[in-house]
Amino acid sequence: MSESMNEASRQTLSGAAEVVHEWGPYEAGGVIHGVSFDGTHVWAATGETLLAVDPRSGAVARSLAVPGDAGTAFDGKHLYQIVETRIDKIEPATGKVVSSIPAPGGGFDSGLTWAEGSLWVGAYRSRKIRQIDPADGRVLRTIESDRFVTGVTWYEGELWHATEENEESELRRIDKHSGAVKERLMLPKGVLVSGLESGGDGLFYAGGGRSGKLRAVRRARPA
């Protein structure tokens, strides 16, 4: 780990994350991979189907026959979905794939989000987050982590990512340049995070991986 990351770690805020809503599982034996939010629905990739979930009730509003085995993102108009070694750009009204670019991890990608005109892609086992050009997949920046990276998102101009290691998960707010950890929020024991997306007002939507569950979590309030 770099000296700057070591120094920042001594100043890291630590706390807990609480689960405020839990929905699902949605499909028998299903897995929640990527998660995104379009301002109305939470989108969850379940393998062969992309679900639009009402965040007020947890009910599935509609579904698209769109494959996805990792992160999901929304740019304000289109959805983006990692499928094996590529990222598909999708019309949310129809499920039509309008274009595809190579995924930077070559099939070992995890989370996905949109910010600053770019896609940000997690690399699980190599512990990286890559900023890529959404037009051609060119890597613009690589940020190192010291933990496995699952979901990635942005909230209030800052980069967050989820980790999952040794059956424990946490949410991390990091420096978008150095990767230094600014804040850690530990999830309750047994709650693992796959996809991650900000819902605003301090709320995050988190995929539950093989549990097939979708959760809304936030920084725990002081007792």
Protein backbone atom coordinates (compact mmCIF):
# COMPACT_ATOMS: atom_id res chain seq x y z
CA MET A 1 0.00 0.00 0.00
CA SER A 2 1.32 3.49 -0.80
CA GLU A 3 2.52 5.92 1.91
CA SER A 4 -0.38 8.25 1.10
CA MET A 5 -2.90 5.45 1.64
CA ASN A 6 -1.25 4.53 4.95
CA GLU A 7 -1.43 8.13 6.14
CA ALA A 8 -5.06 8.46 5.09
CA SER A 9 -5.97 5.23 6.85
CA ARG A 10 -5.05 6.85 10.18
CA GLN A 11 -7.66 9.53 9.49
CA THR A 12 -10.41 7.24 8.23
CA LEU A 13 -13.89 7.61 9.67
CA SER A 14 -15.38 4.31 10.77
CA GLY A 15 -18.96 3.41 11.55
CA ALA A 16 -21.77 1.00 10.88
CA ALA A 17 -24.32 0.67 8.11
CA GLU A 18 -27.85 -0.36 8.92
CA VAL A 19 -30.31 -2.19 6.69
CA VAL A 20 -33.49 -0.10 6.46
CA HIS A 21 -35.33 -2.21 3.86
CA GLU A 22 -34.87 -5.74 2.54
CA TRP A 23 -36.74 -7.19 -0.43
CA GLY A 24 -36.74 -10.54 -2.21
CA PRO A 25 -35.47 -13.00 -3.12
CA TYR A 26 -37.09 -12.34 -6.47
CA GLU A 27 -36.37 -15.54 -8.37
CA ALA A 28 -35.82 -19.09 -7.14
CA GLY A 29 -32.10 -19.64 -7.01
CA GLY A 30 -31.53 -16.16 -8.45
CA VAL A 31 -28.48 -14.02 -7.80
CA ILE A 32 -28.42 -10.24 -7.62
CA HIS A 33 -25.42 -8.99 -9.56
CA GLY A 34 -25.45 -5.33 -10.60
CA VAL A 35 -27.67 -2.63 -9.10
CA SER A 36 -28.52 0.83 -10.42
CA PHE A 37 -31.11 3.57 -9.83
CA ASP A 38 -32.79 5.77 -12.43
CA GLY A 39 -34.54 8.08 -9.95
CA THR A 40 -37.74 6.02 -10.08
CA HIS A 41 -36.78 2.36 -10.09
CA VAL A 42 -33.92 0.32 -8.71
CA TRP A 43 -32.56 -1.93 -11.47
CA ALA A 44 -31.20 -5.32 -10.48
CA ALA A 45 -29.38 -7.74 -12.79
CA THR A 46 -30.32 -11.32 -11.94
CA GLY A 47 -28.45 -13.29 -14.60
CA GLU A 48 -30.89 -13.52 -17.49
CA THR A 49 -33.29 -10.75 -16.46
CA LEU A 50 -32.99 -7.09 -15.53
CA LEU A 51 -35.63 -6.15 -12.95
CA ALA A 52 -37.06 -2.67 -12.34
CA VAL A 53 -37.99 -2.58 -8.65
CA ASP A 54 -40.20 -0.01 -6.92
CA PRO A 55 -38.09 1.25 -3.97
CA ARG A 56 -41.21 2.13 -1.96
CA SER A 57 -42.68 -1.37 -1.96
CA GLY A 58 -39.94 -3.64 -3.28
CA ALA A 59 -42.33 -4.92 -5.95
CA VAL A 60 -41.09 -5.65 -9.47
CA ALA A 61 -42.59 -3.02 -11.76
CA ARG A 62 -41.35 -4.67 -14.94
CA SER A 63 -38.53 -6.80 -16.29
CA LEU A 64 -36.32 -6.93 -19.36
CA ALA A 65 -34.92 -10.11 -20.91
CA VAL A 66 -31.39 -8.75 -20.63
CA PRO A 67 -28.47 -10.92 -19.48
CA GLY A 68 -26.08 -9.59 -16.88
CA ASP A 69 -23.54 -11.25 -14.59
CA ALA A 70 -21.96 -8.20 -12.96
CA GLY A 71 -22.48 -4.42 -12.58
CA THR A 72 -25.31 -2.22 -13.85
CA ALA A 73 -25.29 1.56 -14.43
CA PHE A 74 -27.58 4.37 -15.64
CA ASP A 75 -26.39 7.56 -17.37
CA GLY A 76 -29.68 9.45 -17.26
CA LYS A 77 -30.93 7.93 -20.50
CA HIS A 78 -29.46 4.46 -21.04
CA LEU A 79 -28.66 1.49 -18.86
CA TYR A 80 -25.26 -0.20 -19.03
CA GLN A 81 -24.83 -3.85 -18.18
CA ILE A 82 -21.73 -6.00 -17.82
CA VAL A 83 -22.14 -9.34 -19.60
CA GLU A 84 -19.07 -11.57 -19.43
CA THR A 85 -16.35 -9.70 -21.37
CA ARG A 86 -18.45 -6.78 -22.64
CA ILE A 87 -20.59 -3.86 -21.46
CA ASP A 88 -23.93 -3.43 -23.25
CA LYS A 89 -25.65 -0.05 -23.62
CA ILE A 90 -29.40 -0.65 -23.33
CA GLU A 91 -32.63 1.24 -23.98
CA PRO A 92 -34.56 0.86 -20.70
CA ALA A 93 -37.95 1.11 -22.40
CA THR A 94 -37.37 -1.84 -24.72
CA GLY A 95 -34.29 -3.74 -23.55
CA LYS A 96 -32.68 -3.19 -26.94
CA VAL A 97 -28.87 -3.22 -26.95
CA VAL A 98 -27.77 -0.16 -28.91
CA SER A 99 -24.00 -0.70 -28.63
CA SER A 100 -21.33 -2.67 -26.78
CA ILE A 101 -17.76 -2.03 -25.63
CA PRO A 102 -15.12 -4.37 -24.14
CA ALA A 103 -15.17 -4.70 -20.37
CA PRO A 104 -11.73 -3.72 -19.05
CA GLY A 105 -11.35 -6.77 -16.82
CA GLY A 106 -11.94 -9.24 -19.62
CA GLY A 107 -14.60 -11.18 -17.74
CA PHE A 108 -13.35 -10.48 -14.20
CA ASP A 109 -15.28 -7.23 -13.66
CA SER A 110 -17.64 -6.55 -10.77
CA GLY A 111 -19.41 -3.23 -10.04
CA LEU A 112 -20.39 -0.55 -12.53
CA THR A 113 -21.55 3.05 -12.21
CA TRP A 114 -21.78 6.29 -14.22
CA ALA A 115 -20.25 9.62 -13.17
CA GLU A 116 -18.40 12.56 -14.70
CA GLY A 117 -19.26 11.40 -18.22
CA SER A 118 -17.51 8.07 -17.68
CA LEU A 119 -18.17 4.51 -16.63
CA TRP A 120 -16.43 3.31 -13.46
CA VAL A 121 -15.81 -0.43 -13.31
CA GLY A 122 -14.81 -2.55 -10.33
CA ALA A 123 -12.35 -5.41 -10.68
CA TYR A 124 -13.10 -7.91 -7.94
CA ARG A 125 -10.02 -10.05 -7.35
CA SER A 126 -7.48 -7.60 -8.73
CA ARG A 127 -8.84 -4.99 -6.27
CA LYS A 128 -9.14 -2.10 -8.69
CA ILE A 129 -11.61 0.48 -9.96
CA ARG A 130 -11.16 1.64 -13.53
CA GLN A 131 -12.59 4.77 -15.11
CA ILE A 132 -13.30 4.04 -18.78
CA ASP A 133 -14.50 5.90 -21.86
CA PRO A 134 -18.12 4.81 -22.49
CA ALA A 135 -17.65 5.15 -26.26
CA ASP A 136 -14.83 2.66 -26.72
CA GLY A 137 -13.92 1.15 -23.33
CA ARG A 138 -10.53 2.87 -23.18
CA VAL A 139 -9.14 2.94 -19.62
CA LEU A 140 -8.69 6.53 -18.42
CA ARG A 141 -7.66 5.91 -14.82
CA THR A 142 -6.99 2.99 -12.48
CA ILE A 143 -7.50 3.23 -8.71
CA GLU A 144 -6.03 0.59 -6.41
CA SER A 145 -7.80 -0.88 -3.37
CA ASP A 146 -6.56 -3.18 -0.60
CA ARG A 147 -9.78 -5.23 -0.52
CA PHE A 148 -11.86 -7.12 -3.05
CA VAL A 149 -14.08 -4.65 -4.94
CA THR A 150 -17.73 -5.50 -5.53
CA GLY A 151 -20.21 -2.65 -6.22
CA VAL A 152 -19.16 0.91 -7.06
CA THR A 153 -21.14 4.16 -6.95
CA TRP A 154 -20.86 7.93 -6.52
CA TYR A 155 -22.62 9.98 -3.86
CA GLU A 156 -22.39 13.76 -3.49
CA GLY A 157 -19.36 13.94 -5.76
CA GLU A 158 -17.40 11.21 -3.99
CA LEU A 159 -16.55 7.68 -5.02
CA TRP A 160 -17.77 4.73 -2.91
CA HIS A 161 -17.28 1.03 -3.33
CA ALA A 162 -18.40 -2.10 -1.53
CA THR A 163 -16.02 -4.79 -0.37
CA GLU A 164 -16.62 -8.43 0.43
CA GLU A 165 -13.90 -10.51 2.03
CA ASN A 166 -13.89 -13.28 4.64
CA GLU A 167 -17.71 -13.28 4.63
CA GLU A 168 -17.81 -9.62 5.68
CA SER A 169 -18.85 -6.55 3.72
CA GLU A 170 -18.39 -2.83 4.13
CA LEU A 171 -19.00 0.36 2.18
CA ARG A 172 -16.00 2.60 1.60
CA ARG A 173 -15.77 6.26 0.62
CA ILE A 174 -12.45 6.75 -1.14
CA ASP A 175 -10.32 9.42 -2.75
CA LYS A 176 -10.99 9.20 -6.48
CA HIS A 177 -7.34 9.88 -7.30
CA SER A 178 -5.30 7.95 -4.75
CA GLY A 179 -7.77 5.32 -3.57
CA ALA A 180 -7.15 6.38 0.05
CA VAL A 181 -10.05 5.32 2.27
CA LYS A 182 -11.90 8.26 3.84
CA GLU A 183 -14.74 6.39 5.52
CA ARG A 184 -15.77 2.81 6.26
CA LEU A 185 -19.29 1.60 7.04
CA MET A 186 -19.47 -2.00 8.22
CA LEU A 187 -22.50 -4.07 7.20
CA PRO A 188 -24.19 -6.37 9.73
CA LYS A 189 -22.60 -9.80 9.94
CA GLY A 190 -23.85 -12.09 7.19
CA VAL A 191 -25.00 -9.22 4.93
CA LEU A 192 -22.87 -9.41 1.80
CA VAL A 193 -22.92 -6.78 -0.93
CA SER A 194 -22.66 -7.40 -4.66
CA GLY A 195 -23.96 -4.40 -6.66
CA LEU A 196 -24.16 -0.91 -5.14
CA GLU A 197 -25.85 2.35 -6.10
CA SER A 198 -26.61 5.61 -4.34
CA GLY A 199 -30.27 6.44 -3.84
CA GLY A 200 -29.63 9.93 -2.46
CA ASP A 201 -30.33 11.28 1.04
CA GLY A 202 -27.65 9.01 2.47
CA LEU A 203 -29.32 5.86 1.13
CA PHE A 204 -27.58 3.13 -0.85
CA TYR A 205 -29.17 0.23 -2.73
CA ALA A 206 -27.18 -2.97 -2.38
CA GLY A 207 -27.46 -6.30 -4.13
CA GLY A 208 -27.28 -9.34 -1.89
CA GLY A 209 -25.49 -11.69 -4.27
CA ARG A 210 -26.56 -15.32 -3.94
CA SER A 211 -29.19 -14.46 -1.34
CA GLY A 212 -31.26 -13.03 -4.20
CA LYS A 213 -32.14 -10.08 -1.98
CA LEU A 214 -32.06 -6.35 -2.61
CA ARG A 215 -31.45 -4.02 0.32
CA ALA A 216 -31.55 -0.32 1.14
CA VAL A 217 -28.82 0.63 3.62
CA ARG A 218 -27.55 3.83 5.22
CA ARG A 219 -25.09 5.09 7.79
CA ALA A 220 -26.35 3.95 11.18
CA ARG A 221 -27.74 6.75 13.31
CA PRO A 222 -26.27 7.30 16.78
CA ALA A 223 -28.18 5.51 19.54
